[in-house]
Protein backbone atom coordinates (compact mmCIF):
# COMPACT_ATOMS: atom_id res chain seq x y z
CA ILE A 1 84.83 49.11 82.06
CA TYR A 2 81.45 50.07 81.11
CA GLY A 3 81.84 49.75 77.68
CA SER A 4 83.47 53.19 75.82
CA LEU A 5 84.60 53.44 72.10
CA GLU A 6 87.43 56.17 71.53
CA GLY A 7 87.03 57.14 75.38
CA VAL A 8 83.37 57.50 74.80
CA LEU A 9 80.23 55.81 76.27
CA LEU A 10 78.46 53.74 74.57
CA PRO A 11 74.95 55.37 74.35
CA CYS A 12 73.39 51.95 76.35
CA VAL A 13 75.56 52.71 78.98
CA LEU A 14 74.79 56.10 78.76
CA ARG A 15 70.75 55.50 79.14
CA SER A 16 71.70 53.20 82.64
CA LEU A 17 72.91 56.88 83.76
CA LEU A 18 70.45 59.26 82.20
CA ARG A 19 66.59 59.64 81.61
CA TYR A 20 66.46 62.32 78.64
CA ASP A 21 63.35 64.13 77.83
CA PRO A 22 63.09 65.24 74.06
CA HIS A 23 60.49 67.29 74.54
CA THR A 24 62.35 69.57 76.97
CA GLY A 25 65.98 68.33 76.23
CA GLU A 26 66.64 68.41 79.71
CA MET A 27 68.40 65.28 81.73
CA PHE A 28 68.36 63.69 85.07
CA TRP A 29 70.21 61.00 86.46
CA VAL A 30 69.24 57.77 87.11
CA GLU A 31 69.26 55.32 90.15
CA ARG A 32 72.46 53.36 89.82
CA PRO A 33 73.50 50.06 91.19
CA ASP A 34 75.35 49.03 94.11
CA ASN A 35 78.16 47.23 91.94
CA MET A 36 78.74 50.27 90.48
CA PHE A 37 80.18 51.76 93.38
CA SER A 38 83.53 49.72 95.20
CA ALA A 39 80.99 49.83 98.59
CA LYS A 40 77.25 49.74 98.76
CA ALA A 41 77.34 52.68 101.13
CA HIS A 42 78.69 55.55 98.13
CA ALA A 43 75.99 53.67 96.21
CA LYS A 44 73.28 54.64 98.77
CA ALA A 45 75.01 57.90 99.71
CA TRP A 46 75.32 58.90 95.43
CA ASN A 47 71.90 58.05 94.79
CA ALA A 48 70.62 59.82 98.09
CA LYS A 49 72.34 63.05 96.35
CA TYR A 50 72.03 62.54 92.83
CA ALA A 51 69.50 60.09 91.31
CA GLY A 52 66.58 62.26 89.63
CA THR A 53 68.48 65.70 90.02
CA GLN A 54 68.69 67.45 86.64
CA ALA A 55 72.04 66.31 84.83
CA LEU A 56 74.91 68.25 82.45
CA THR A 57 73.74 72.00 83.51
CA THR A 58 76.97 73.72 84.04
CA ILE A 59 77.28 76.16 81.14
CA ASN A 60 80.71 76.60 79.80
CA GLN A 61 82.65 79.61 78.39
CA LYS A 62 80.94 78.80 74.45
CA GLY A 63 77.46 79.45 76.01
CA TYR A 64 76.72 75.00 76.04
CA HIS A 65 75.54 72.59 78.79
CA THR A 66 78.35 70.54 80.10
CA GLY A 67 78.83 68.19 82.80
CA GLN A 68 81.35 64.98 83.81
CA ILE A 69 80.22 61.51 83.60
CA PHE A 70 83.10 58.62 85.59
CA ASN A 71 85.52 62.32 85.61
CA ARG A 72 85.62 62.85 81.10
CA ALA A 73 83.43 66.00 80.30
CA TYR A 74 80.74 65.50 77.49
CA ARG A 75 78.57 68.69 75.82
CA ALA A 76 74.94 67.52 76.53
CA HIS A 77 73.94 68.29 73.43
CA ARG A 78 75.91 65.61 72.37
CA VAL A 79 74.85 63.54 74.94
CA ALA A 80 71.11 64.05 73.96
CA TRP A 81 71.75 63.32 70.22
CA ALA A 82 73.41 59.86 71.38
CA LEU A 83 70.75 59.15 74.15
CA PHE A 84 67.78 59.81 71.80
CA SER A 85 69.27 58.14 68.55
CA GLY A 86 71.40 55.16 69.92
CA SER A 87 74.57 56.51 68.53
CA TRP A 88 76.95 58.99 68.79
CA PRO A 89 76.71 61.97 66.17
CA VAL A 90 79.94 61.20 63.49
CA ASP A 91 80.51 65.22 63.26
CA GLN A 92 79.20 67.88 65.10
CA ILE A 93 75.25 68.87 66.70
CA ASP A 94 73.62 71.98 65.09
CA HIS A 95 71.21 73.94 67.41
CA ILE A 96 68.55 74.95 64.35
CA ASN A 97 67.85 78.14 66.75
CA GLY A 98 71.00 79.00 67.25
CA VAL A 99 70.71 78.55 71.52
CA ARG A 100 73.13 77.00 72.97
CA THR A 101 71.59 75.36 75.64
CA ASP A 102 68.07 74.24 73.81
CA ASN A 103 68.70 70.56 73.80
CA ARG A 104 64.96 69.57 72.69
CA ILE A 105 65.50 66.73 70.07
CA LEU A 106 63.58 69.03 67.57
CA ASN A 107 66.26 71.60 67.91
CA LEU A 108 69.43 69.72 67.58
CA ARG A 109 70.58 67.96 64.15
CA GLU A 110 73.91 66.52 62.55
CA ALA A 111 75.85 68.48 60.79
CA THR A 112 79.34 69.19 59.43
CA HIS A 113 81.34 71.74 60.33
CA ALA A 114 80.73 74.02 57.54
CA GLN A 115 77.45 73.07 57.59
CA ASN A 116 77.05 74.62 61.63
CA GLN A 117 78.96 77.47 60.22
CA HIS A 118 76.61 78.45 58.14
CA ASN A 119 73.80 78.60 60.76
CA THR A 120 75.75 80.99 62.65
CA SER A 121 73.99 84.74 63.63
CA ALA A 122 75.52 87.95 62.41
CA ARG A 123 79.02 88.62 63.66
CA THR A 124 78.63 91.04 66.89
CA ASN A 125 81.42 93.94 64.88
CA ASN A 126 78.36 93.95 61.93
CA THR A 127 77.00 97.95 61.60
CA SER A 128 74.78 97.55 59.30
CA GLY A 129 72.24 95.11 60.93
CA TYR A 130 71.66 92.40 58.37
CA LYS A 131 73.78 89.40 57.90
CA GLY A 132 75.93 89.56 55.02
CA VAL A 133 75.96 93.19 54.46
CA HIS A 134 78.33 96.16 54.62
CA PHE A 135 78.52 99.26 53.67
CA SER A 136 81.16 100.59 51.38
CA ARG A 137 82.60 103.49 50.95
CA ARG A 138 83.91 103.54 47.89
CA GLU A 139 80.58 102.60 46.11
CA LYS A 140 78.33 104.73 48.45
CA LYS A 141 76.21 101.59 48.55
CA TRP A 142 75.23 98.58 50.73
CA GLY A 143 77.35 95.39 49.37
CA ALA A 144 76.42 92.01 50.24
CA ARG A 145 78.46 88.79 50.17
CA ILE A 146 78.12 85.44 51.79
CA ARG A 147 80.67 82.39 51.75
CA ALA A 148 80.77 78.76 50.91
CA ASN A 149 83.53 76.34 50.67
CA GLY A 150 86.42 78.61 50.86
CA LYS A 151 85.23 81.10 48.05
CA ARG A 152 83.43 84.59 48.73
CA PHE A 153 80.78 85.69 46.47
CA ASP A 154 79.97 89.17 46.51
CA LEU A 155 76.49 89.83 45.46
CA GLY A 156 76.38 93.47 44.41
CA TYR A 157 76.19 96.40 45.69
CA PHE A 158 72.13 97.95 46.45
CA ASP A 159 70.83 101.36 47.33
CA SER A 160 69.23 100.14 50.54
CA ALA A 161 70.88 97.62 53.11
CA GLU A 162 67.17 95.42 52.59
CA GLU A 163 67.71 95.09 49.11
CA ALA A 164 71.31 93.88 50.05
CA HIS A 165 70.26 91.30 52.78
CA ALA A 166 67.48 90.36 50.29
CA ALA A 167 70.41 89.04 47.98
CA TYR A 168 72.14 88.17 50.81
CA CYS A 169 69.12 85.07 52.26
CA THR A 170 68.71 84.21 48.33
CA LYS A 171 72.35 83.10 47.94
CA ALA A 172 72.10 81.65 50.95
CA ILE A 173 69.11 79.50 50.73
CA GLU A 174 70.58 78.69 46.85
CA ILE A 175 74.04 77.24 48.65
CA HIS A 176 73.11 76.35 52.19
CA GLY A 177 69.79 75.26 52.17
CA GLU A 178 68.56 74.34 55.15
CA PHE A 179 71.54 75.32 57.07
CA ALA A 180 70.95 79.13 55.57
CA GLN A 181 70.99 81.40 58.64
CA PHE A 182 70.09 85.06 58.19
CA THR A 183 70.14 87.14 61.25
């Protein structure tokens, strides 16, 4: 009824519901007209309670801001992209700095699933302190490796974790480009 595509609100409809501040990444509910409600009293009550307040502020189990619009859950970074660009992202939206609650437009970019995976931090079970670096007991040296396009690249063994990480960083830039993440 309010214009949707594949169950997702059209950006022009979103703009009638939300105001997005691209500098802070925050969204705010806009006052809704009476014709969006079954009764004028419902419109008045909704606007008194929500109009002007921050929207999509719940943090889900994966650490993203989310919220409901017309009883459907949306992730705030995807809504921010649609509000700013005028279209929904084709695939995923990547948080450049890795902070999932930072929805400033300068921190968001479209990405494929693979690109979004490249821009992840070191795993929590990493013991070397460096992404892409592990200690080989057999070699008694620090090893570096990286994955891309379903392939694993072993980059060699080094005397120090720092040298191994330098090799990782060089290869990450080569194969991941702007999506390379080093920490």
